[in-house]
Every structure is written in C-alpha cells, then in structure tokens.
Amino acid sequence: MEQWLAQGRVVSICPEVDAGMSIPRAPAEISAGDGQGVWVGTDTVQTENGGEVSAYFKKGAQLALSLCQQHAIKIAVLTEGSPSCGSSTIYDGSFSRQKMAGVGVTVALLQQHGIEVFSQYQLQEADRALIALLK
C-alpha cells in the first residue's frame, strides 16, 4: 500500500460518506441477498433499526464508479464484509455478525463495469493484477 501511495496510485473513497451518510451511522446490512440483488431490486440495504438505506448505497456506488472512470482505475481494494465494499463476504442481513458469500453494492457495480475488486486481505493479489495490467 505504501508503494502505491508513493506512486500516486491510491484514490480514497467511502461510498456511504460520499453519498451523505453520517459518521457514526447505524449498522446496515443487505437483507437476504447481496449487492447484485440491490441493483436488480430484489434485495435492500436495511439499518439495524429497520430503516431502508439502499438509495444511499447505490448513490455511493455510482460516485465510486464515476471516480474510477475519471481516474481510469481498473483495480480497486475495498473493505471486506461491508454492505458496500465486501468483495467476497458480507453480513447476512440478520445483524447477528454472521457472514455469507456475496458482494456489496459498490463491488457489484464496479465489477459490472470491468473493474477488478480485491479486499484489504488480498494486497499481493491486487499488486500482481496491477503489474499484469501495466505490462
């Protein structure tokens, strides 16, 4: 990560904050599905107290995609488990800290547009993908 920072390759974003959500904010999870389902309308993002916040998550994802397109980003490293940024696991929507396979709302949109997404636990894989892209 330090090498990428030194090379000017890091563009930071928090989709939820950029979409107008507060810090701190109520925990949110995708109910009974994942980010792909949010985009097709079969799933929603709910807060722990029952509020429906899918629109914020979709707006944040669109802002992230716009930033990627503006900077010609083809590889992203996002936070695993997040309802926005989970690239292989997200929480299951029960607010019981149980994880399941799935992608977040932002990851689903970025992948639909050909952006390869890695988690913070896959920095070596992301670096290999970046090197291959630059060849």
Protein backbone atom coordinates (compact mmCIF):
# COMPACT_ATOMS: atom_id res chain seq x y z
CA MET A 1 0.00 0.00 0.00
CA GLU A 2 2.86 2.38 0.83
CA GLN A 3 4.36 1.76 -2.60
CA TRP A 4 1.03 2.56 -4.28
CA LEU A 5 0.72 5.73 -2.21
CA ALA A 6 4.24 6.81 -3.19
CA GLN A 7 3.38 6.16 -6.85
CA GLY A 8 0.21 8.23 -6.60
CA ARG A 9 -1.97 5.20 -7.36
CA VAL A 10 -4.33 5.49 -4.39
CA VAL A 11 -7.66 7.26 -4.70
CA SER A 12 -9.62 7.10 -1.45
CA ILE A 13 -13.39 6.94 -1.15
CA CYS A 14 -16.02 5.88 1.35
CA PRO A 15 -19.17 5.34 -0.71
CA GLU A 16 -21.52 5.75 2.25
CA VAL A 17 -19.96 9.01 3.46
CA ASP A 18 -19.70 10.42 -0.06
CA ALA A 19 -23.40 9.61 -0.54
CA GLY A 20 -24.29 11.70 2.52
CA MET A 21 -24.46 9.17 5.35
CA SER A 22 -23.20 10.32 8.73
CA ILE A 23 -20.31 9.19 10.90
CA PRO A 24 -21.14 7.43 13.09
CA ARG A 25 -24.15 5.76 11.49
CA ALA A 26 -26.44 2.88 12.31
CA PRO A 27 -25.14 -0.52 11.22
CA ALA A 28 -26.55 -1.61 7.87
CA GLU A 29 -26.73 -4.98 6.13
CA ILE A 30 -28.20 -6.29 2.90
CA SER A 31 -31.36 -8.21 3.71
CA ALA A 32 -31.46 -11.75 2.35
CA GLY A 33 -29.14 -11.17 -0.60
CA ASP A 34 -26.21 -9.16 -1.84
CA GLY A 35 -25.23 -6.07 -3.81
CA GLN A 36 -26.20 -7.59 -7.13
CA GLY A 37 -29.73 -8.07 -5.80
CA VAL A 38 -29.84 -4.45 -4.63
CA TRP A 39 -29.14 -3.32 -8.20
CA VAL A 40 -31.89 -5.51 -9.70
CA GLY A 41 -34.34 -4.59 -6.94
CA THR A 42 -34.71 -7.97 -5.24
CA ASP A 43 -32.72 -7.00 -2.13
CA THR A 44 -32.46 -3.92 0.05
CA VAL A 45 -29.97 -2.40 2.47
CA GLN A 46 -31.53 -2.03 5.91
CA THR A 47 -30.29 -0.44 9.10
CA GLU A 48 -30.42 -2.36 12.34
CA ASN A 49 -33.45 -0.32 13.40
CA GLY A 50 -35.34 -1.09 10.17
CA GLY A 51 -34.55 1.94 8.04
CA GLU A 52 -34.20 1.32 4.32
CA VAL A 53 -30.98 2.94 3.02
CA SER A 54 -30.48 1.31 -0.39
CA ALA A 55 -30.59 4.68 -2.17
CA TYR A 56 -27.56 5.93 -0.19
CA PHE A 57 -25.62 2.77 -1.01
CA LYS A 58 -26.48 2.97 -4.70
CA LYS A 59 -25.57 6.68 -4.84
CA GLY A 60 -22.25 5.95 -3.13
CA ALA A 61 -21.54 3.13 -5.57
CA GLN A 62 -22.27 5.42 -8.51
CA LEU A 63 -19.91 8.05 -7.07
CA ALA A 64 -17.20 5.39 -6.68
CA LEU A 65 -17.71 4.22 -10.26
CA SER A 66 -17.51 7.80 -11.50
CA LEU A 67 -14.25 8.30 -9.63
CA CYS A 68 -12.85 5.07 -11.09
CA GLN A 69 -13.82 6.15 -14.59
CA GLN A 70 -12.39 9.65 -14.08
CA HIS A 71 -9.03 8.20 -13.00
CA ALA A 72 -9.05 5.18 -15.37
CA ILE A 73 -8.97 2.82 -12.37
CA LYS A 74 -9.17 -0.85 -13.30
CA ILE A 75 -8.27 -2.36 -9.90
CA ALA A 76 -9.84 -1.49 -6.56
CA VAL A 77 -9.08 -2.57 -2.99
CA LEU A 78 -12.13 -2.30 -0.77
CA THR A 79 -13.12 -3.33 2.77
CA GLU A 80 -14.29 -6.94 3.13
CA GLY A 81 -17.59 -7.58 4.89
CA SER A 82 -19.07 -4.16 4.16
CA PRO A 83 -22.51 -3.92 2.54
CA SER A 84 -20.87 -1.53 0.07
CA CYS A 85 -17.38 -2.88 -0.32
CA GLY A 86 -17.40 -6.58 0.53
CA SER A 87 -15.80 -8.40 -2.38
CA SER A 88 -16.41 -11.99 -1.31
CA THR A 89 -18.25 -11.89 2.02
CA ILE A 90 -20.90 -9.66 3.54
CA TYR A 91 -23.04 -9.90 6.65
CA ASP A 92 -26.18 -11.97 6.15
CA GLY A 93 -28.77 -9.31 6.99
CA SER A 94 -29.69 -10.73 10.40
CA PHE A 95 -27.46 -8.35 12.40
CA SER A 96 -26.09 -11.41 14.22
CA ARG A 97 -22.50 -10.94 12.95
CA GLN A 98 -22.92 -13.95 10.64
CA LYS A 99 -21.15 -13.65 7.31
CA MET A 100 -22.08 -15.20 3.99
CA ALA A 101 -20.70 -15.31 0.49
CA GLY A 102 -21.68 -12.25 -1.52
CA VAL A 103 -20.63 -8.84 -2.74
CA GLY A 104 -21.52 -5.35 -1.60
CA VAL A 105 -23.42 -2.74 -3.60
CA THR A 106 -20.32 -0.85 -4.75
CA VAL A 107 -18.43 -4.02 -5.64
CA ALA A 108 -21.34 -5.27 -7.75
CA LEU A 109 -21.43 -2.04 -9.75
CA LEU A 110 -17.65 -1.83 -10.20
CA GLN A 111 -17.48 -5.44 -11.37
CA GLN A 112 -20.32 -4.82 -13.84
CA HIS A 113 -18.06 -2.16 -15.36
CA GLY A 114 -14.98 -4.35 -15.61
CA ILE A 115 -13.15 -3.17 -12.51
CA GLU A 116 -11.38 -5.96 -10.65
CA VAL A 117 -12.02 -5.74 -6.90
CA PHE A 118 -9.87 -7.12 -4.09
CA SER A 119 -10.21 -6.94 -0.31
CA GLN A 120 -7.71 -5.43 2.10
CA TYR A 121 -6.58 -9.02 2.75
CA GLN A 122 -5.59 -9.52 -0.90
CA LEU A 123 -2.98 -6.81 -1.41
CA GLN A 124 -0.47 -9.19 -3.00
CA GLU A 125 -3.09 -10.43 -5.46
CA ALA A 126 -4.08 -6.85 -6.25
CA ASP A 127 -0.43 -5.93 -6.80
CA ARG A 128 0.03 -8.88 -9.18
CA ALA A 129 -3.09 -7.81 -11.10
CA LEU A 130 -1.77 -4.24 -11.31
CA ILE A 131 1.61 -5.40 -12.59
CA ALA A 132 -0.09 -7.60 -15.21
CA LEU A 133 -2.28 -4.68 -16.26
CA LEU A 134 0.75 -2.42 -16.70
CA LYS A 135 2.59 -4.88 -18.96
